[in-house]
Amino acid sequence: MARIMKKVPILFPIILFAALVFCGCEGSEPREKVDDTVKELSGQKNVERMKQMKKDINVIQDQQEDRQKQLEESADK
């Protein structure tokens, strides 16, 4: 028990500093870079890109269908 009590004055500031560093970077630019890197490495960014591409393709297909309908209507007249 005495050994632990001797180390407390040394460990407490280190633990406090580490907690402040990790909490302090929340919302900051370095934190965003870390989050971005983690997303890139985990493949989440690729999944997000694929979902966006699917949405874009659906929008384009809808636009093409609308144009086709307009062409057919104008041809019928």
C-alpha atoms as a PDB file:
ATOM      1  CA  MET A   1       0.000   0.000   0.000  1.00  0.00           C
ATOM      2  CA  ALA A   2       2.854   2.354   0.762  1.00  0.00           C
ATOM      3  CA  ARG A   3       4.318   1.828  -2.714  1.00  0.00           C
ATOM      4  CA  ILE A   4       1.047   2.847  -4.352  1.00  0.00           C
ATOM      5  CA  MET A   5       0.769   5.968  -2.208  1.00  0.00           C
ATOM      6  CA  LYS A   6       4.264   7.019  -3.268  1.00  0.00           C
ATOM      7  CA  LYS A   7       3.304   6.725  -6.941  1.00  0.00           C
ATOM      8  CA  VAL A   8      -0.009   8.600  -6.669  1.00  0.00           C
ATOM      9  CA  PRO A   9       1.578  12.088  -6.801  1.00  0.00           C
ATOM     10  CA  ILE A  10       3.339  11.059 -10.006  1.00  0.00           C
ATOM     11  CA  LEU A  11       0.513   9.147 -11.671  1.00  0.00           C
ATOM     12  CA  PHE A  12      -2.324  11.564 -10.917  1.00  0.00           C
ATOM     13  CA  PRO A  13      -0.965  14.466 -12.998  1.00  0.00           C
ATOM     14  CA  ILE A  14      -0.147  12.097 -15.855  1.00  0.00           C
ATOM     15  CA  ILE A  15      -3.656  10.632 -15.841  1.00  0.00           C
ATOM     16  CA  LEU A  16      -5.195  14.096 -15.559  1.00  0.00           C
ATOM     17  CA  PHE A  17      -3.081  15.386 -18.450  1.00  0.00           C
ATOM     18  CA  ALA A  18      -4.019  12.416 -20.632  1.00  0.00           C
ATOM     19  CA  ALA A  19      -7.711  12.906 -19.878  1.00  0.00           C
ATOM     20  CA  LEU A  20      -7.503  16.599 -20.744  1.00  0.00           C
ATOM     21  CA  VAL A  21      -5.657  15.900 -23.973  1.00  0.00           C
ATOM     22  CA  PHE A  22      -8.194  13.335 -25.175  1.00  0.00           C
ATOM     23  CA  CYS A  23     -11.191  15.382 -24.087  1.00  0.00           C
ATOM     24  CA  GLY A  24      -9.685  18.618 -25.332  1.00  0.00           C
ATOM     25  CA  CYS A  25      -9.392  17.490 -28.936  1.00  0.00           C
ATOM     26  CA  GLU A  26     -13.107  16.727 -29.276  1.00  0.00           C
ATOM     27  CA  GLY A  27     -14.463  18.919 -32.054  1.00  0.00           C
ATOM     28  CA  SER A  28     -11.086  20.320 -32.963  1.00  0.00           C
ATOM     29  CA  GLU A  29      -9.350  20.011 -36.289  1.00  0.00           C
ATOM     30  CA  PRO A  30      -6.963  17.223 -35.194  1.00  0.00           C
ATOM     31  CA  ARG A  31      -9.905  15.226 -33.903  1.00  0.00           C
ATOM     32  CA  GLU A  32     -11.683  15.619 -37.240  1.00  0.00           C
ATOM     33  CA  LYS A  33      -8.574  14.414 -39.048  1.00  0.00           C
ATOM     34  CA  VAL A  34      -8.356  11.387 -36.764  1.00  0.00           C
ATOM     35  CA  ASP A  35     -12.042  10.604 -37.313  1.00  0.00           C
ATOM     36  CA  ASP A  36     -11.599  11.020 -41.068  1.00  0.00           C
ATOM     37  CA  THR A  37      -8.616   8.661 -41.068  1.00  0.00           C
ATOM     38  CA  VAL A  38     -10.493   6.068 -39.036  1.00  0.00           C
ATOM     39  CA  LYS A  39     -13.445   6.234 -41.439  1.00  0.00           C
ATOM     40  CA  GLU A  40     -11.098   5.858 -44.392  1.00  0.00           C
ATOM     41  CA  LEU A  41      -9.288   2.864 -42.911  1.00  0.00           C
ATOM     42  CA  SER A  42     -12.466   1.144 -41.765  1.00  0.00           C
ATOM     43  CA  GLY A  43     -14.033   1.458 -45.199  1.00  0.00           C
ATOM     44  CA  GLN A  44     -16.893   3.625 -43.982  1.00  0.00           C
ATOM     45  CA  LYS A  45     -15.983   6.380 -46.423  1.00  0.00           C
ATOM     46  CA  ASN A  46     -16.241   3.943 -49.329  1.00  0.00           C
ATOM     47  CA  VAL A  47     -19.669   2.842 -48.132  1.00  0.00           C
ATOM     48  CA  GLU A  48     -20.769   6.489 -47.887  1.00  0.00           C
ATOM     49  CA  ARG A  49     -19.456   7.164 -51.399  1.00  0.00           C
ATOM     50  CA  MET A  50     -21.319   4.144 -52.765  1.00  0.00           C
ATOM     51  CA  LYS A  51     -24.565   5.262 -51.122  1.00  0.00           C
ATOM     52  CA  GLN A  52     -24.138   8.736 -52.587  1.00  0.00           C
ATOM     53  CA  MET A  53     -23.462   7.257 -56.031  1.00  0.00           C
ATOM     54  CA  LYS A  54     -26.637   5.163 -55.787  1.00  0.00           C
ATOM     55  CA  LYS A  55     -28.628   8.284 -54.873  1.00  0.00           C
ATOM     56  CA  ASP A  56     -27.074  10.196 -57.771  1.00  0.00           C
ATOM     57  CA  ILE A  57     -27.842   7.366 -60.207  1.00  0.00           C
ATOM     58  CA  ASN A  58     -31.457   7.241 -59.031  1.00  0.00           C
ATOM     59  CA  VAL A  59     -31.805  11.003 -59.526  1.00  0.00           C
ATOM     60  CA  ILE A  60     -30.327  10.745 -63.021  1.00  0.00           C
ATOM     61  CA  GLN A  61     -32.647   7.855 -63.909  1.00  0.00           C
ATOM     62  CA  ASP A  62     -35.655   9.823 -62.677  1.00  0.00           C
ATOM     63  CA  GLN A  63     -34.578  12.802 -64.771  1.00  0.00           C
ATOM     64  CA  GLN A  64     -34.198  10.594 -67.833  1.00  0.00           C
ATOM     65  CA  GLU A  65     -37.649   9.087 -67.296  1.00  0.00           C
ATOM     66  CA  ASP A  66     -39.152  12.562 -67.019  1.00  0.00           C
ATOM     67  CA  ARG A  67     -37.429  13.661 -70.235  1.00  0.00           C
ATOM     68  CA  GLN A  68     -38.603  10.532 -72.017  1.00  0.00           C
ATOM     69  CA  LYS A  69     -42.186  11.181 -70.915  1.00  0.00           C
ATOM     70  CA  GLN A  70     -41.947  14.772 -72.100  1.00  0.00           C
ATOM     71  CA  LEU A  71     -40.607  13.635 -75.481  1.00  0.00           C
ATOM     72  CA  GLU A  72     -43.397  11.081 -75.847  1.00  0.00           C
ATOM     73  CA  GLU A  73     -46.035  13.665 -74.914  1.00  0.00           C
ATOM     74  CA  SER A  74     -44.649  16.188 -77.379  1.00  0.00           C
ATOM     75  CA  ALA A  75     -44.480  13.516 -80.102  1.00  0.00           C
ATOM     76  CA  ASP A  76     -48.136  12.572 -79.484  1.00  0.00           C
ATOM     77  CA  LYS A  77     -49.305  16.137 -80.064  1.00  0.00           C
END
